[in-house]
Amino acid sequence: MKYRKLKNSELDRLTPEEFKETKKTPLIIILDNIRSLNNIGSVFRTADAFAIKKIYLCGITAKPPHKDIQKTALGATESVEWEYVENVTEVVKKLQGEGVFVTAIEQAEGAISLDDFSLQPEMTYALVFGNEVKGVQQEVVSASDTVLEIPQYGTKHSLNISVSVGVVVWDFFSKMKR
């Protein structure tokens, strides 16, 4: 047999306690008014997979514990650090004051294509993802240090928020590991 699927017990994953103590990827995710509880749970799971530093839940974004978040998070709400802050612009300004480079993920005039964006060594980045219908609020886009756009070549105008998080986090993670 050429390939054999591994059992969960063979994956050598961290416990939630070990995860909390491990060195984190210098990425912060900010969710701006996300409606779907399943999307929120998926973001937690992606954040766990890539050892993201923290998630900020803002505006109408629901917070754990909630059964529909748990359904897709599969326990990641217990490992990933998160905080609820109602006003997303306050989070952006606070993080910028701490030297974090804030990046809105949005289709905007002057946006940089994700594949053309170069990371600065030793920089911590915050990635802002917006509402499933309205996207990132204009006030937040304007306050961000830059705006990145995921290149798309089909007929649809956008990707699902949880897919967007996966694409952008993977891109940043792989660039950081080079």
Protein backbone atom coordinates (compact mmCIF):
# COMPACT_ATOMS: atom_id res chain seq x y z
CA MET A 1 0.00 0.00 0.00
CA LYS A 2 1.39 3.37 -1.03
CA TYR A 3 -0.63 5.58 1.34
CA ARG A 4 -2.50 4.91 4.55
CA LYS A 5 -4.69 7.45 6.25
CA LEU A 6 -3.42 8.33 9.69
CA LYS A 7 -5.59 7.91 12.74
CA ASN A 8 -6.14 10.95 14.93
CA SER A 9 -4.04 9.30 17.63
CA GLU A 10 -1.08 9.23 15.19
CA LEU A 11 -1.17 12.95 14.38
CA ASP A 12 0.85 14.06 17.43
CA ARG A 13 -1.22 17.19 18.06
CA LEU A 14 -0.85 19.52 21.02
CA THR A 15 -3.30 19.50 23.91
CA PRO A 16 -5.19 22.78 24.43
CA GLU A 17 -2.91 23.48 27.42
CA GLU A 18 0.24 22.86 25.34
CA PHE A 19 -1.19 25.01 22.52
CA LYS A 20 -1.63 27.95 24.89
CA GLU A 21 2.05 27.73 25.86
CA THR A 22 3.48 27.25 22.36
CA LYS A 23 5.01 30.05 20.28
CA LYS A 24 2.30 31.66 18.15
CA THR A 25 2.34 32.78 14.54
CA PRO A 26 2.45 36.60 14.61
CA LEU A 27 -1.00 36.90 13.04
CA ILE A 28 -4.19 38.31 14.55
CA ILE A 29 -7.59 37.79 12.96
CA ILE A 30 -10.29 40.45 13.32
CA LEU A 31 -13.84 39.46 12.39
CA ASP A 32 -15.96 42.50 11.49
CA ASN A 33 -19.70 41.77 11.82
CA ILE A 34 -19.72 38.11 10.75
CA ARG A 35 -23.28 36.72 10.71
CA SER A 36 -22.72 33.00 10.25
CA LEU A 37 -21.93 31.02 13.37
CA ASN A 38 -20.52 28.24 11.19
CA ASN A 39 -18.11 30.71 9.58
CA ILE A 40 -16.98 31.89 13.00
CA GLY A 41 -16.35 28.30 14.08
CA SER A 42 -14.41 27.60 10.89
CA VAL A 43 -12.21 30.64 11.53
CA PHE A 44 -11.42 29.33 15.01
CA ARG A 45 -10.43 25.98 13.53
CA THR A 46 -8.15 27.62 10.95
CA ALA A 47 -6.63 29.81 13.68
CA ASP A 48 -5.89 26.71 15.73
CA ALA A 49 -4.34 24.89 12.75
CA PHE A 50 -1.85 27.71 12.14
CA ALA A 51 -1.27 28.68 15.81
CA ILE A 52 -2.67 32.18 15.31
CA LYS A 53 -1.94 34.62 18.14
CA LYS A 54 -5.50 35.88 18.72
CA ILE A 55 -8.96 36.43 17.25
CA TYR A 56 -11.00 39.59 17.85
CA LEU A 57 -14.76 39.20 17.46
CA CYS A 58 -16.41 42.54 16.71
CA GLY A 59 -19.86 44.02 16.16
CA ILE A 60 -22.58 41.43 15.57
CA THR A 61 -20.04 38.59 15.45
CA ALA A 62 -21.23 35.96 17.94
CA LYS A 63 -18.94 34.67 20.62
CA PRO A 64 -18.41 31.28 22.21
CA PRO A 65 -19.85 29.29 23.76
CA HIS A 66 -22.51 28.64 21.16
CA LYS A 67 -23.45 25.22 19.79
CA ASP A 68 -23.32 26.35 16.14
CA ILE A 69 -19.84 27.83 16.60
CA GLN A 70 -18.73 24.67 18.40
CA LYS A 71 -20.08 22.48 15.60
CA THR A 72 -17.42 23.75 13.18
CA ALA A 73 -14.75 24.88 15.67
CA LEU A 74 -14.44 21.35 17.10
CA GLY A 75 -12.94 22.63 20.35
CA ALA A 76 -10.71 25.36 18.87
CA THR A 77 -12.54 27.98 20.95
CA GLU A 78 -10.81 26.39 23.94
CA SER A 79 -7.31 26.64 22.48
CA VAL A 80 -7.24 29.91 20.50
CA GLU A 81 -7.13 33.15 22.47
CA TRP A 82 -10.06 35.42 21.61
CA GLU A 83 -11.70 38.61 22.78
CA TYR A 84 -14.96 40.35 21.99
CA VAL A 85 -14.78 44.09 21.33
CA GLU A 86 -17.91 45.75 19.99
CA ASN A 87 -16.20 48.50 17.99
CA VAL A 88 -13.83 47.12 15.35
CA THR A 89 -12.23 50.53 14.72
CA GLU A 90 -11.16 50.66 18.37
CA VAL A 91 -9.40 47.32 17.93
CA VAL A 92 -7.66 48.54 14.76
CA LYS A 93 -6.42 51.73 16.47
CA LYS A 94 -5.33 49.83 19.61
CA LEU A 95 -3.33 47.29 17.59
CA GLN A 96 -1.74 49.98 15.43
CA GLY A 97 -0.70 51.75 18.64
CA GLU A 98 1.06 48.50 19.63
CA GLY A 99 2.97 48.41 16.32
CA VAL A 100 0.75 45.81 14.62
CA PHE A 101 0.33 46.25 10.84
CA VAL A 102 -3.41 46.13 10.11
CA THR A 103 -4.54 44.72 6.78
CA ALA A 104 -8.13 44.77 5.55
CA ILE A 105 -9.01 41.92 3.21
CA GLU A 106 -11.32 43.60 0.73
CA GLN A 107 -11.88 44.52 -2.89
CA ALA A 108 -11.01 48.19 -2.89
CA GLU A 109 -9.54 50.86 -5.10
CA GLY A 110 -5.76 50.67 -4.74
CA ALA A 111 -5.81 47.25 -3.05
CA ILE A 112 -2.69 45.11 -3.41
CA SER A 113 -3.07 41.61 -4.79
CA LEU A 114 -2.36 39.05 -2.07
CA ASP A 115 0.25 37.33 -4.22
CA ASP A 116 2.15 40.63 -4.66
CA PHE A 117 2.31 41.47 -0.95
CA SER A 118 5.66 40.99 0.79
CA LEU A 119 5.86 40.54 4.54
CA GLN A 120 8.32 42.35 6.77
CA PRO A 121 10.37 40.13 9.07
CA GLU A 122 9.49 40.30 12.78
CA MET A 123 6.24 42.20 12.06
CA THR A 124 2.93 41.18 13.62
CA TYR A 125 -0.01 41.47 11.24
CA ALA A 126 -3.73 41.80 11.91
CA LEU A 127 -6.09 40.63 9.17
CA VAL A 128 -9.58 42.14 9.06
CA PHE A 129 -12.32 40.07 7.44
CA GLY A 130 -15.77 41.54 6.92
CA ASN A 131 -19.43 40.72 6.82
CA GLU A 132 -20.57 38.06 4.35
CA VAL A 133 -22.66 40.56 2.37
CA LYS A 134 -21.24 44.04 3.04
CA GLY A 135 -17.57 43.18 3.56
CA VAL A 136 -15.23 45.20 5.76
CA GLN A 137 -16.75 48.52 6.83
CA GLN A 138 -15.40 51.53 4.88
CA GLU A 139 -14.29 53.17 8.13
CA VAL A 140 -12.10 50.13 8.85
CA VAL A 141 -10.79 49.96 5.28
CA SER A 142 -9.80 53.64 5.58
CA ALA A 143 -8.13 53.09 8.97
CA SER A 144 -6.12 50.04 7.83
CA ASP A 145 -2.43 50.23 6.96
CA THR A 146 -3.10 48.47 3.68
CA VAL A 147 -5.82 46.60 1.83
CA LEU A 148 -5.21 43.21 0.24
CA GLU A 149 -7.37 41.53 -2.36
CA ILE A 150 -7.48 37.81 -3.05
CA PRO A 151 -7.08 37.31 -6.81
CA GLN A 152 -10.18 35.69 -8.34
CA TYR A 153 -10.79 34.64 -11.91
CA GLY A 154 -14.39 33.39 -12.01
CA THR A 155 -17.80 35.02 -12.19
CA LYS A 156 -18.51 35.46 -8.47
CA HIS A 157 -17.61 38.63 -6.61
CA SER A 158 -16.18 37.07 -3.47
CA LEU A 159 -15.25 33.96 -1.52
CA ASN A 160 -16.95 32.70 1.63
CA ILE A 161 -15.43 34.40 4.68
CA SER A 162 -14.09 31.16 6.14
CA VAL A 163 -12.48 30.28 2.80
CA SER A 164 -10.98 33.79 2.59
CA VAL A 165 -9.49 33.37 6.05
CA GLY A 166 -7.97 30.03 5.05
CA VAL A 167 -6.46 31.42 1.84
CA VAL A 168 -4.99 34.55 3.44
CA VAL A 169 -3.74 32.86 6.61
CA TRP A 170 -2.06 30.13 4.55
CA ASP A 171 -0.44 32.75 2.30
CA PHE A 172 0.91 34.73 5.28
CA PHE A 173 1.96 31.57 7.14
CA SER A 174 3.88 30.19 4.15
CA LYS A 175 5.59 33.55 3.51
CA MET A 176 6.59 33.76 7.19
CA LYS A 177 8.10 30.28 7.14
CA ARG A 178 10.40 30.97 4.16
